[in-house]
Amino acid sequence: MAKTGDKSGGSGKKGLKRKAATEEPQEAAVAEDGATESGVQPPRAAAFPPGFSISEIKNKQRRHLMFTRWKQQQRKEKLAAKKKLKKEREALGDKAPPKPVPKTIDNQRVYDETTVDPNDEEVAYDEATDEFASYFNRQTSPKILITTSDRPHGRTVRLCEQLSTVIPNSHVYYRRGLALKKIIPQCISRDFTDLIVINEDRKTPNGLILSHLPNGPTAHFKMSSVRLRKEIKRRGKDPTEHIPEIILNNFTTRLGHSIGRMFASLFPHNPQFIGRQVATFHNQRDYIFFRFHRYIFKSEKKVGIQELGPRFTLKLRSLQKGTFDSKYGEYEWVHK
């Protein structure tokens, strides 16, 4: 009797273990299906209740799973609404309403009252009498001096050397501890028309000073996102010695008009189109993006471009009258 009881007891334990093992997959299936014993969470096919918040789920894996399903449901609804709208537009044909214009940062900007009208007589008079008039009248040709801050590092030096290949008739000289107030008279005596100073911080270029000689003005820019030629993917061959074309985009305000004329005066007035090289200053959201490209004619209708480098982004900090003078200089505009 004792042996039979032991066997029956042992068989009962095994039966319980087998029963528990068979019940585990069912519980796992219920968990994967998205329903719990309390029934708070909805099943996979059902929609979420109005007051349901996924952030209330304490289990991280469960919360991630429910969020993924919610995103998939949102994507399906958006795609279905898009297909429905497309069918309605095809059915209406020419009577379909115009497509809505998407909201972007640029088209939501408030109109700037200082936007310059090219046909304005006052603007034409200012252009004929400002510091850059001799350049645009082709009385003077640009001659640029490029230098750095004291004790520059390799990255800043390489940027200056690459800039000298972009800007024709430009010369790179090392600072050697001289103050800018002593450098400017030497530049004027040697017939330099512009001075470019590239500053650095923690071995990275972070500022650019552009001073037009001999009477100014002087602009101070913050420099960021610097990429040298070796750091640019799919770049073309090194630039040639041809004079590049220059493109100025969105320099439409009174201040932007002055800055655009400063950049234009760095390049000779007679570009050599045979070189197919373009230097672009693109102003967007008060940031100036510089790019240097070469365009290639693939066919009569298709044109490809190759970036040559370097590239960087400028942000205007101040515009000063006259040459560089940090102590007694008169500022036309300062970034607040």
Foldseek 3Di string as FASTA:
>chain_A
DVVVVVVVVVVVVVVVVVVVVVCVVVVVVCVVQQADPVRQTDGLPDDHDPPDDLVVDPDPVSSVVVVVSVVVVVVVVVVVVVVVVVVVCVVCDPNDDDDDDDDDPVVPDDDDPQFDDPPDPVVVVCCCPDPLNCQVVVVDAAAEEEEEDPPADDVVVLQSVLVPLQQDNYYYDYDPPDDVVVVLVVCVVVPHQKYWYFYDDPNHTFKIWIFGPDWTKIWIKTKDPKDFQVRDPQADDAADNFFAAEEEEDLGGPVSVVVVSSVVSRGHPDGDCVSQKYWYFYADPQKTKTWIWHWDDPDPPDIDIGTRDTIIIIHTAWIWTTGDDPPPTHTPDGDD
